[in-house]
Each structure stands twice: as structure tokens, then as C-alpha cells.
Amino acid sequence: MRNMELFICPVCGYGELAEPPYDQHRCASFEVCPSCGTEFGYDDATKPVEQLRQEWLDRGAAWWSESHRPPAGWNGKRQLEKSGPLNPKS
């Protein structure tokens, strides 16, 4: 199996994104986080990350994707707590 680098969602702390939300030039990947549903470069173009995070929490921090299953034992609030401080444009 190939060793793939994984990236963290700045909204919900999901740590298994295949691409970084933003590259070194601050260009968005337009990847959609399966955990919170944020599309980088679209959703965060009109709302700050902190607002997107609060909206996700207000929806119960539920898993967003219907096609990508959550990891075993997944818990959105615990995921966010474990991720520590998040950098909105990392």
C-alpha cells in the first residue's frame, strides 16, 4: 500500500483528507470534507471557518457524506476536540 499523506479539515478536524484544503499559494482544493460537507474555496469563500464550524456543531456535528462512510466509532465532537486548534487556511 502506498504511503499517502493525509490532511486535516480546518472546519471539523477530520484528519483523512486526500488533499490539503489550500496549497502553498493559498489556492483552494475544492475538495469536499466528508465529515462536515465543507467545500474548500466555495463554502469558506462567503463564510468564515469559525461560522462553518459552528453551523456544523449546531447540526449536531453529524457525518455529512452519504457515499463515504465514517471511520468505526466516529464521533464529530470528539474529533474536533482531539484535533486541537485548527488553522483556517492550512
PDB file of N, CA and C in Angstrom:
ATOM      1  N   MET A   1       0.839  -1.189   0.000  1.00  0.00           N
ATOM      2  CA  MET A   1       0.000   0.000   0.000  1.00  0.00           C
ATOM      3  C   MET A   1       0.880   1.246   0.000  1.00  0.00           C
ATOM      4  N   ARG A   2       0.515   2.223  -0.799  1.00  0.00           N
ATOM      5  CA  ARG A   2       1.250   3.467  -0.927  1.00  0.00           C
ATOM      6  C   ARG A   2       1.074   4.320   0.324  1.00  0.00           C
ATOM      7  N   ASN A   3       2.143   4.940   0.801  1.00  0.00           N
ATOM      8  CA  ASN A   3       2.086   5.811   1.965  1.00  0.00           C
ATOM      9  C   ASN A   3       1.580   7.176   1.514  1.00  0.00           C
ATOM     10  N   MET A   4       0.325   7.477   1.849  1.00  0.00           N
ATOM     11  CA  MET A   4      -0.282   8.742   1.454  1.00  0.00           C
ATOM     12  C   MET A   4      -0.292   9.717   2.607  1.00  0.00           C
ATOM     13  N   GLU A   5       0.055  10.960   2.322  1.00  0.00           N
ATOM     14  CA  GLU A   5      -0.068  11.998   3.328  1.00  0.00           C
ATOM     15  C   GLU A   5      -1.540  12.398   3.407  1.00  0.00           C
ATOM     16  N   LEU A   6      -2.037  12.543   4.615  1.00  0.00           N
ATOM     17  CA  LEU A   6      -3.423  12.944   4.821  1.00  0.00           C
ATOM     18  C   LEU A   6      -3.449  14.331   5.443  1.00  0.00           C
ATOM     19  N   PHE A   7      -4.553  15.037   5.246  1.00  0.00           N
ATOM     20  CA  PHE A   7      -4.661  16.429   5.678  1.00  0.00           C
ATOM     21  C   PHE A   7      -5.890  16.624   6.558  1.00  0.00           C
ATOM     22  N   ILE A   8      -5.871  17.701   7.332  1.00  0.00           N
ATOM     23  CA  ILE A   8      -6.921  17.973   8.315  1.00  0.00           C
ATOM     24  C   ILE A   8      -7.864  19.064   7.819  1.00  0.00           C
ATOM     25  N   CYS A   9      -9.156  18.823   8.001  1.00  0.00           N
ATOM     26  CA  CYS A   9     -10.170  19.827   7.677  1.00  0.00           C
ATOM     27  C   CYS A   9     -10.108  20.940   8.723  1.00  0.00           C
ATOM     28  N   PRO A  10      -9.972  22.200   8.295  1.00  0.00           N
ATOM     29  CA  PRO A  10      -9.919  23.310   9.245  1.00  0.00           C
ATOM     30  C   PRO A  10     -11.267  23.617   9.889  1.00  0.00           C
ATOM     31  N   VAL A  11     -12.342  23.050   9.364  1.00  0.00           N
ATOM     32  CA  VAL A  11     -13.672  23.294   9.922  1.00  0.00           C
ATOM     33  C   VAL A  11     -13.976  22.304  11.045  1.00  0.00           C
ATOM     34  N   CYS A  12     -13.819  21.005  10.775  1.00  0.00           N
ATOM     35  CA  CYS A  12     -14.259  19.988  11.736  1.00  0.00           C
ATOM     36  C   CYS A  12     -13.147  19.134  12.324  1.00  0.00           C
ATOM     37  N   GLY A  13     -11.929  19.264  11.815  1.00  0.00           N
ATOM     38  CA  GLY A  13     -10.820  18.485  12.347  1.00  0.00           C
ATOM     39  C   GLY A  13     -10.675  17.091  11.774  1.00  0.00           C
ATOM     40  N   TYR A  14     -11.474  16.747  10.757  1.00  0.00           N
ATOM     41  CA  TYR A  14     -11.350  15.428  10.120  1.00  0.00           C
ATOM     42  C   TYR A  14      -9.945  15.318   9.537  1.00  0.00           C
ATOM     43  N   GLY A  15      -9.236  14.259   9.873  1.00  0.00           N
ATOM     44  CA  GLY A  15      -7.835  14.147   9.512  1.00  0.00           C
ATOM     45  C   GLY A  15      -7.500  13.201   8.387  1.00  0.00           C
ATOM     46  N   GLU A  16      -8.451  12.923   7.492  1.00  0.00           N
ATOM     47  CA  GLU A  16      -8.178  11.981   6.411  1.00  0.00           C
ATOM     48  C   GLU A  16      -8.480  12.552   5.033  1.00  0.00           C
ATOM     49  N   LEU A  17      -8.284  13.854   4.856  1.00  0.00           N
ATOM     50  CA  LEU A  17      -8.469  14.457   3.532  1.00  0.00           C
ATOM     51  C   LEU A  17      -7.309  14.052   2.631  1.00  0.00           C
ATOM     52  N   ALA A  18      -7.605  13.734   1.382  1.00  0.00           N
ATOM     53  CA  ALA A  18      -6.577  13.316   0.426  1.00  0.00           C
ATOM     54  C   ALA A  18      -5.734  14.487  -0.065  1.00  0.00           C
ATOM     55  N   GLU A  19      -6.288  15.696  -0.029  1.00  0.00           N
ATOM     56  CA  GLU A  19      -5.583  16.895  -0.473  1.00  0.00           C
ATOM     57  C   GLU A  19      -5.641  17.945   0.626  1.00  0.00           C
ATOM     58  N   PRO A  20      -4.640  18.823   0.682  1.00  0.00           N
ATOM     59  CA  PRO A  20      -4.750  19.909   1.652  1.00  0.00           C
ATOM     60  C   PRO A  20      -5.869  20.856   1.213  1.00  0.00           C
ATOM     61  N   PRO A  21      -6.620  21.423   2.150  1.00  0.00           N
ATOM     62  CA  PRO A  21      -7.679  22.361   1.774  1.00  0.00           C
ATOM     63  C   PRO A  21      -7.153  23.523   0.930  1.00  0.00           C
ATOM     64  N   TYR A  22      -5.917  23.959   1.215  1.00  0.00           N
ATOM     65  CA  TYR A  22      -5.270  25.053   0.483  1.00  0.00           C
ATOM     66  C   TYR A  22      -3.826  24.679   0.233  1.00  0.00           C
ATOM     67  N   ASP A  23      -3.306  25.063  -0.922  1.00  0.00           N
ATOM     68  CA  ASP A  23      -1.907  24.782  -1.213  1.00  0.00           C
ATOM     69  C   ASP A  23      -1.016  25.923  -0.709  1.00  0.00           C
ATOM     70  N   GLN A  24       0.260  25.846  -1.009  1.00  0.00           N
ATOM     71  CA  GLN A  24       1.223  26.833  -0.523  1.00  0.00           C
ATOM     72  C   GLN A  24       0.969  28.236  -1.080  1.00  0.00           C
ATOM     73  N   HIS A  25       0.173  28.345  -2.131  1.00  0.00           N
ATOM     74  CA  HIS A  25      -0.166  29.642  -2.719  1.00  0.00           C
ATOM     75  C   HIS A  25      -1.539  30.127  -2.267  1.00  0.00           C
ATOM     76  N   ARG A  26      -2.136  29.408  -1.321  1.00  0.00           N
ATOM     77  CA  ARG A  26      -3.456  29.715  -0.773  1.00  0.00           C
ATOM     78  C   ARG A  26      -4.586  29.468  -1.781  1.00  0.00           C
ATOM     79  N   CYS A  27      -4.316  28.589  -2.748  1.00  0.00           N
ATOM     80  CA  CYS A  27      -5.348  28.195  -3.705  1.00  0.00           C
ATOM     81  C   CYS A  27      -6.133  27.026  -3.115  1.00  0.00           C
ATOM     82  N   ALA A  28      -7.447  27.110  -3.203  1.00  0.00           N
ATOM     83  CA  ALA A  28      -8.314  26.086  -2.628  1.00  0.00           C
ATOM     84  C   ALA A  28      -8.302  24.815  -3.459  1.00  0.00           C
ATOM     85  N   SER A  29      -8.485  23.693  -2.787  1.00  0.00           N
ATOM     86  CA  SER A  29      -8.521  22.398  -3.470  1.00  0.00           C
ATOM     87  C   SER A  29      -9.899  22.103  -4.060  1.00  0.00           C
ATOM     88  N   PHE A  30     -10.946  22.748  -3.552  1.00  0.00           N
ATOM     89  CA  PHE A  30     -12.341  22.484  -3.912  1.00  0.00           C
ATOM     90  C   PHE A  30     -12.747  21.058  -3.545  1.00  0.00           C
ATOM     91  N   GLU A  31     -11.946  20.409  -2.677  1.00  0.00           N
ATOM     92  CA  GLU A  31     -12.319  19.101  -2.132  1.00  0.00           C
ATOM     93  C   GLU A  31     -13.454  19.324  -1.124  1.00  0.00           C
ATOM     94  N   VAL A  32     -14.336  18.342  -1.006  1.00  0.00           N
ATOM     95  CA  VAL A  32     -15.435  18.400  -0.043  1.00  0.00           C
ATOM     96  C   VAL A  32     -15.090  17.475   1.118  1.00  0.00           C
ATOM     97  N   CYS A  33     -15.138  18.009   2.328  1.00  0.00           N
ATOM     98  CA  CYS A  33     -14.873  17.191   3.511  1.00  0.00           C
ATOM     99  C   CYS A  33     -16.058  16.259   3.742  1.00  0.00           C
ATOM    100  N   PRO A  34     -15.815  14.940   3.816  1.00  0.00           N
ATOM    101  CA  PRO A  34     -16.926  14.021   4.026  1.00  0.00           C
ATOM    102  C   PRO A  34     -17.523  14.111   5.430  1.00  0.00           C
ATOM    103  N   SER A  35     -16.782  14.662   6.358  1.00  0.00           N
ATOM    104  CA  SER A  35     -17.261  14.780   7.727  1.00  0.00           C
ATOM    105  C   SER A  35     -18.253  15.928   7.891  1.00  0.00           C
ATOM    106  N   CYS A  36     -17.874  17.137   7.468  1.00  0.00           N
ATOM    107  CA  CYS A  36     -18.739  18.311   7.686  1.00  0.00           C
ATOM    108  C   CYS A  36     -19.399  18.839   6.419  1.00  0.00           C
ATOM    109  N   GLY A  37     -18.911  18.416   5.246  1.00  0.00           N
ATOM    110  CA  GLY A  37     -19.503  18.848   3.988  1.00  0.00           C
ATOM    111  C   GLY A  37     -18.968  20.151   3.437  1.00  0.00           C
ATOM    112  N   THR A  38     -17.957  20.722   4.061  1.00  0.00           N
ATOM    113  CA  THR A  38     -17.388  21.976   3.569  1.00  0.00           C
ATOM    114  C   THR A  38     -16.640  21.744   2.265  1.00  0.00           C
ATOM    115  N   GLU A  39     -16.926  22.574   1.263  1.00  0.00           N
ATOM    116  CA  GLU A  39     -16.147  22.569   0.019  1.00  0.00           C
ATOM    117  C   GLU A  39     -15.178  23.738   0.110  1.00  0.00           C
ATOM    118  N   PHE A  40     -13.892  23.433   0.160  1.00  0.00           N
ATOM    119  CA  PHE A  40     -12.862  24.458   0.318  1.00  0.00           C
ATOM    120  C   PHE A  40     -12.762  25.305  -0.951  1.00  0.00           C
ATOM    121  N   GLY A  41     -12.846  26.603  -0.770  1.00  0.00           N
ATOM    122  CA  GLY A  41     -12.830  27.528  -1.894  1.00  0.00           C
ATOM    123  C   GLY A  41     -14.231  27.931  -2.318  1.00  0.00           C
ATOM    124  N   TYR A  42     -15.249  27.260  -1.797  1.00  0.00           N
ATOM    125  CA  TYR A  42     -16.631  27.613  -2.110  1.00  0.00           C
ATOM    126  C   TYR A  42     -17.355  28.050  -0.834  1.00  0.00           C
ATOM    127  N   ASP A  43     -17.572  27.101   0.072  1.00  0.00           N
ATOM    128  CA  ASP A  43     -18.290  27.429   1.307  1.00  0.00           C
ATOM    129  C   ASP A  43     -17.544  28.469   2.131  1.00  0.00           C
ATOM    130  N   ASP A  44     -16.232  28.330   2.216  1.00  0.00           N
ATOM    131  CA  ASP A  44     -15.456  29.254   3.034  1.00  0.00           C
ATOM    132  C   ASP A  44     -15.098  30.546   2.298  1.00  0.00           C
ATOM    133  N   ALA A  45     -15.607  30.701   1.083  1.00  0.00           N
ATOM    134  CA  ALA A  45     -15.407  31.961   0.355  1.00  0.00           C
ATOM    135  C   ALA A  45     -16.412  33.021   0.813  1.00  0.00           C
ATOM    136  N   THR A  46     -17.526  32.575   1.393  1.00  0.00           N
ATOM    137  CA  THR A  46     -18.560  33.523   1.819  1.00  0.00           C
ATOM    138  C   THR A  46     -18.800  33.519   3.325  1.00  0.00           C
ATOM    139  N   LYS A  47     -18.246  32.519   4.014  1.00  0.00           N
ATOM    140  CA  LYS A  47     -18.414  32.431   5.472  1.00  0.00           C
ATOM    141  C   LYS A  47     -17.065  32.097   6.100  1.00  0.00           C
ATOM    142  N   PRO A  48     -16.762  32.684   7.242  1.00  0.00           N
ATOM    143  CA  PRO A  48     -15.510  32.316   7.919  1.00  0.00           C
ATOM    144  C   PRO A  48     -15.573  30.883   8.442  1.00  0.00           C
ATOM    145  N   VAL A  49     -14.428  30.280   8.569  1.00  0.00           N
ATOM    146  CA  VAL A  49     -14.329  28.902   9.041  1.00  0.00           C
ATOM    147  C   VAL A  49     -15.023  28.737  10.391  1.00  0.00           C
ATOM    148  N   GLU A  50     -14.866  29.699  11.274  1.00  0.00           N
ATOM    149  CA  GLU A  50     -15.482  29.607  12.591  1.00  0.00           C
ATOM    150  C   GLU A  50     -17.006  29.517  12.495  1.00  0.00           C
ATOM    151  N   GLN A  51     -17.600  30.234  11.543  1.00  0.00           N
ATOM    152  CA  GLN A  51     -19.047  30.168  11.345  1.00  0.00           C
ATOM    153  C   GLN A  51     -19.452  28.814  10.769  1.00  0.00           C
ATOM    154  N   LEU A  52     -18.685  28.305   9.806  1.00  0.00           N
ATOM    155  CA  LEU A  52     -18.972  26.988   9.235  1.00  0.00           C
ATOM    156  C   LEU A  52     -18.882  25.915  10.319  1.00  0.00           C
ATOM    157  N   ARG A  53     -17.874  26.033  11.192  1.00  0.00           N
ATOM    158  CA  ARG A  53     -17.718  25.072  12.282  1.00  0.00           C
ATOM    159  C   ARG A  53     -18.925  25.128  13.217  1.00  0.00           C
ATOM    160  N   GLN A  54     -19.342  26.343  13.581  1.00  0.00           N
ATOM    161  CA  GLN A  54     -20.480  26.477  14.490  1.00  0.00           C
ATOM    162  C   GLN A  54     -21.756  25.934  13.855  1.00  0.00           C
ATOM    163  N   GLU A  55     -21.947  26.167  12.574  1.00  0.00           N
ATOM    164  CA  GLU A  55     -23.132  25.639  11.882  1.00  0.00           C
ATOM    165  C   GLU A  55     -23.123  24.113  11.884  1.00  0.00           C
ATOM    166  N   TRP A  56     -21.949  23.515  11.679  1.00  0.00           N
ATOM    167  CA  TRP A  56     -21.820  22.055  11.713  1.00  0.00           C
ATOM    168  C   TRP A  56     -22.134  21.540  13.117  1.00  0.00           C
ATOM    169  N   LEU A  57     -21.602  22.208  14.131  1.00  0.00           N
ATOM    170  CA  LEU A  57     -21.891  21.821  15.514  1.00  0.00           C
ATOM    171  C   LEU A  57     -23.376  21.984  15.826  1.00  0.00           C
ATOM    172  N   ASP A  58     -23.974  23.065  15.339  1.00  0.00           N
ATOM    173  CA  ASP A  58     -25.408  23.299  15.565  1.00  0.00           C
ATOM    174  C   ASP A  58     -26.272  22.213  14.919  1.00  0.00           C
ATOM    175  N   ARG A  59     -25.753  21.598  13.852  1.00  0.00           N
ATOM    176  CA  ARG A  59     -26.471  20.485  13.197  1.00  0.00           C
ATOM    177  C   ARG A  59     -26.178  19.158  13.894  1.00  0.00           C
ATOM    178  N   GLY A  60     -25.507  19.222  15.033  1.00  0.00           N
ATOM    179  CA  GLY A  60     -25.226  18.011  15.800  1.00  0.00           C
ATOM    180  C   GLY A  60     -23.893  17.366  15.482  1.00  0.00           C
ATOM    181  N   ALA A  61     -23.030  18.056  14.741  1.00  0.00           N
ATOM    182  CA  ALA A  61     -21.721  17.520  14.348  1.00  0.00           C
ATOM    183  C   ALA A  61     -21.884  16.144  13.697  1.00  0.00           C
ATOM    184  N   ALA A  62     -22.899  16.044  12.851  1.00  0.00           N
ATOM    185  CA  ALA A  62     -23.217  14.773  12.188  1.00  0.00           C
ATOM    186  C   ALA A  62     -22.323  14.539  10.975  1.00  0.00           C
ATOM    187  N   TRP A  63     -22.108  13.277  10.645  1.00  0.00           N
ATOM    188  CA  TRP A  63     -21.353  12.900   9.440  1.00  0.00           C
ATOM    189  C   TRP A  63     -22.145  13.363   8.232  1.00  0.00           C
ATOM    190  N   TRP A  64     -21.503  14.025   7.287  1.00  0.00           N
ATOM    191  CA  TRP A  64     -22.190  14.645   6.155  1.00  0.00           C
ATOM    192  C   TRP A  64     -22.349  13.704   4.954  1.00  0.00           C
ATOM    193  N   SER A  65     -21.299  13.005   4.573  1.00  0.00           N
ATOM    194  CA  SER A  65     -21.308  12.223   3.333  1.00  0.00           C
ATOM    195  C   SER A  65     -22.188  10.984   3.426  1.00  0.00           C
ATOM    196  N   GLU A  66     -22.964  10.771   2.375  1.00  0.00           N
ATOM    197  CA  GLU A  66     -23.769   9.557   2.280  1.00  0.00           C
ATOM    198  C   GLU A  66     -23.017   8.455   1.533  1.00  0.00           C
ATOM    199  N   SER A  67     -21.999   8.813   0.754  1.00  0.00           N
ATOM    200  CA  SER A  67     -21.271   7.821  -0.024  1.00  0.00           C
ATOM    201  C   SER A  67     -19.959   7.387   0.635  1.00  0.00           C
ATOM    202  N   HIS A  68     -19.403   8.205   1.478  1.00  0.00           N
ATOM    203  CA  HIS A  68     -18.145   7.908   2.183  1.00  0.00           C
ATOM    204  C   HIS A  68     -18.502   7.646   3.643  1.00  0.00           C
ATOM    205  N   ARG A  69     -18.343   6.413   4.081  1.00  0.00           N
ATOM    206  CA  ARG A  69     -18.729   6.040   5.441  1.00  0.00           C
ATOM    207  C   ARG A  69     -17.738   6.575   6.463  1.00  0.00           C
ATOM    208  N   PRO A  70     -18.213   6.941   7.647  1.00  0.00           N
ATOM    209  CA  PRO A  70     -17.300   7.425   8.689  1.00  0.00           C
ATOM    210  C   PRO A  70     -16.433   6.282   9.233  1.00  0.00           C
ATOM    211  N   PRO A  71     -15.275   6.625   9.796  1.00  0.00           N
ATOM    212  CA  PRO A  71     -14.449   5.598  10.438  1.00  0.00           C
ATOM    213  C   PRO A  71     -15.217   4.938  11.590  1.00  0.00           C
ATOM    214  N   ALA A  72     -14.866   3.721  11.902  1.00  0.00           N
ATOM    215  CA  ALA A  72     -15.515   2.996  13.001  1.00  0.00           C
ATOM    216  C   ALA A  72     -15.407   3.803  14.291  1.00  0.00           C
ATOM    217  N   GLY A  73     -16.514   3.917  15.002  1.00  0.00           N
ATOM    218  CA  GLY A  73     -16.528   4.634  16.269  1.00  0.00           C
ATOM    219  C   GLY A  73     -16.443   6.139  16.143  1.00  0.00           C
ATOM    220  N   TRP A  74     -16.662   6.661  14.950  1.00  0.00           N
ATOM    221  CA  TRP A  74     -16.520   8.098  14.699  1.00  0.00           C
ATOM    222  C   TRP A  74     -17.493   8.909  15.542  1.00  0.00           C
ATOM    223  N   ASN A  75     -17.001  10.038  16.063  1.00  0.00           N
ATOM    224  CA  ASN A  75     -17.812  10.978  16.819  1.00  0.00           C
ATOM    225  C   ASN A  75     -17.317  12.373  16.464  1.00  0.00           C
ATOM    226  N   GLY A  76     -18.174  13.202  15.871  1.00  0.00           N
ATOM    227  CA  GLY A  76     -17.769  14.512  15.380  1.00  0.00           C
ATOM    228  C   GLY A  76     -17.242  15.445  16.452  1.00  0.00           C
ATOM    229  N   LYS A  77     -17.917  15.505  17.577  1.00  0.00           N
ATOM    230  CA  LYS A  77     -17.466  16.409  18.644  1.00  0.00           C
ATOM    231  C   LYS A  77     -16.134  15.951  19.221  1.00  0.00           C
ATOM    232  N   ARG A  78     -15.969  14.652  19.371  1.00  0.00           N
ATOM    233  CA  ARG A  78     -14.695  14.119  19.875  1.00  0.00           C
ATOM    234  C   ARG A  78     -13.581  14.384  18.853  1.00  0.00           C
ATOM    235  N   GLN A  79     -13.899  14.234  17.572  1.00  0.00           N
ATOM    236  CA  GLN A  79     -12.926  14.507  16.506  1.00  0.00           C
ATOM    237  C   GLN A  79     -12.433  15.946  16.599  1.00  0.00           C
ATOM    238  N   LEU A  80     -13.334  16.877  16.769  1.00  0.00           N
ATOM    239  CA  LEU A  80     -12.978  18.290  16.858  1.00  0.00           C
ATOM    240  C   LEU A  80     -12.131  18.560  18.098  1.00  0.00           C
ATOM    241  N   GLU A  81     -12.485  17.980  19.213  1.00  0.00           N
ATOM    242  CA  GLU A  81     -11.716  18.159  20.451  1.00  0.00           C
ATOM    243  C   GLU A  81     -10.302  17.624  20.293  1.00  0.00           C
ATOM    244  N   LYS A  82     -10.157  16.447  19.684  1.00  0.00           N
ATOM    245  CA  LYS A  82      -8.850  15.811  19.519  1.00  0.00           C
ATOM    246  C   LYS A  82      -7.958  16.558  18.527  1.00  0.00           C
ATOM    247  N   SER A  83      -8.572  17.287  17.591  1.00  0.00           N
ATOM    248  CA  SER A  83      -7.773  17.956  16.557  1.00  0.00           C
ATOM    249  C   SER A  83      -7.007  19.162  17.098  1.00  0.00           C
ATOM    250  N   GLY A  84      -7.459  19.702  18.236  1.00  0.00           N
ATOM    251  CA  GLY A  84      -6.788  20.873  18.806  1.00  0.00           C
ATOM    252  C   GLY A  84      -7.089  22.112  17.987  1.00  0.00           C
ATOM    253  N   PRO A  85      -6.308  23.160  18.185  1.00  0.00           N
ATOM    254  CA  PRO A  85      -6.548  24.402  17.433  1.00  0.00           C
ATOM    255  C   PRO A  85      -6.381  24.155  15.932  1.00  0.00           C
ATOM    256  N   LEU A  86      -7.315  24.686  15.164  1.00  0.00           N
ATOM    257  CA  LEU A  86      -7.285  24.485  13.714  1.00  0.00           C
ATOM    258  C   LEU A  86      -6.905  25.777  13.021  1.00  0.00           C
ATOM    259  N   ASN A  87      -6.098  25.659  11.990  1.00  0.00           N
ATOM    260  CA  ASN A  87      -5.673  26.799  11.185  1.00  0.00           C
ATOM    261  C   ASN A  87      -6.603  26.893   9.990  1.00  0.00           C
ATOM    262  N   PRO A  88      -7.409  27.971   9.861  1.00  0.00           N
ATOM    263  CA  PRO A  88      -8.388  28.078   8.780  1.00  0.00           C
ATOM    264  C   PRO A  88      -7.818  27.943   7.371  1.00  0.00           C
ATOM    265  N   LYS A  89      -6.605  28.376   7.108  1.00  0.00           N
ATOM    266  CA  LYS A  89      -6.057  28.328   5.751  1.00  0.00           C
ATOM    267  C   LYS A  89      -4.792  27.477   5.705  1.00  0.00           C
ATOM    268  N   SER A  90      -4.853  26.300   6.322  1.00  0.00           N
ATOM    269  CA  SER A  90      -3.664  25.444   6.304  1.00  0.00           C
ATOM    270  C   SER A  90      -3.654  24.539   5.099  1.00  0.00           C
TER     271      SER A  90
END
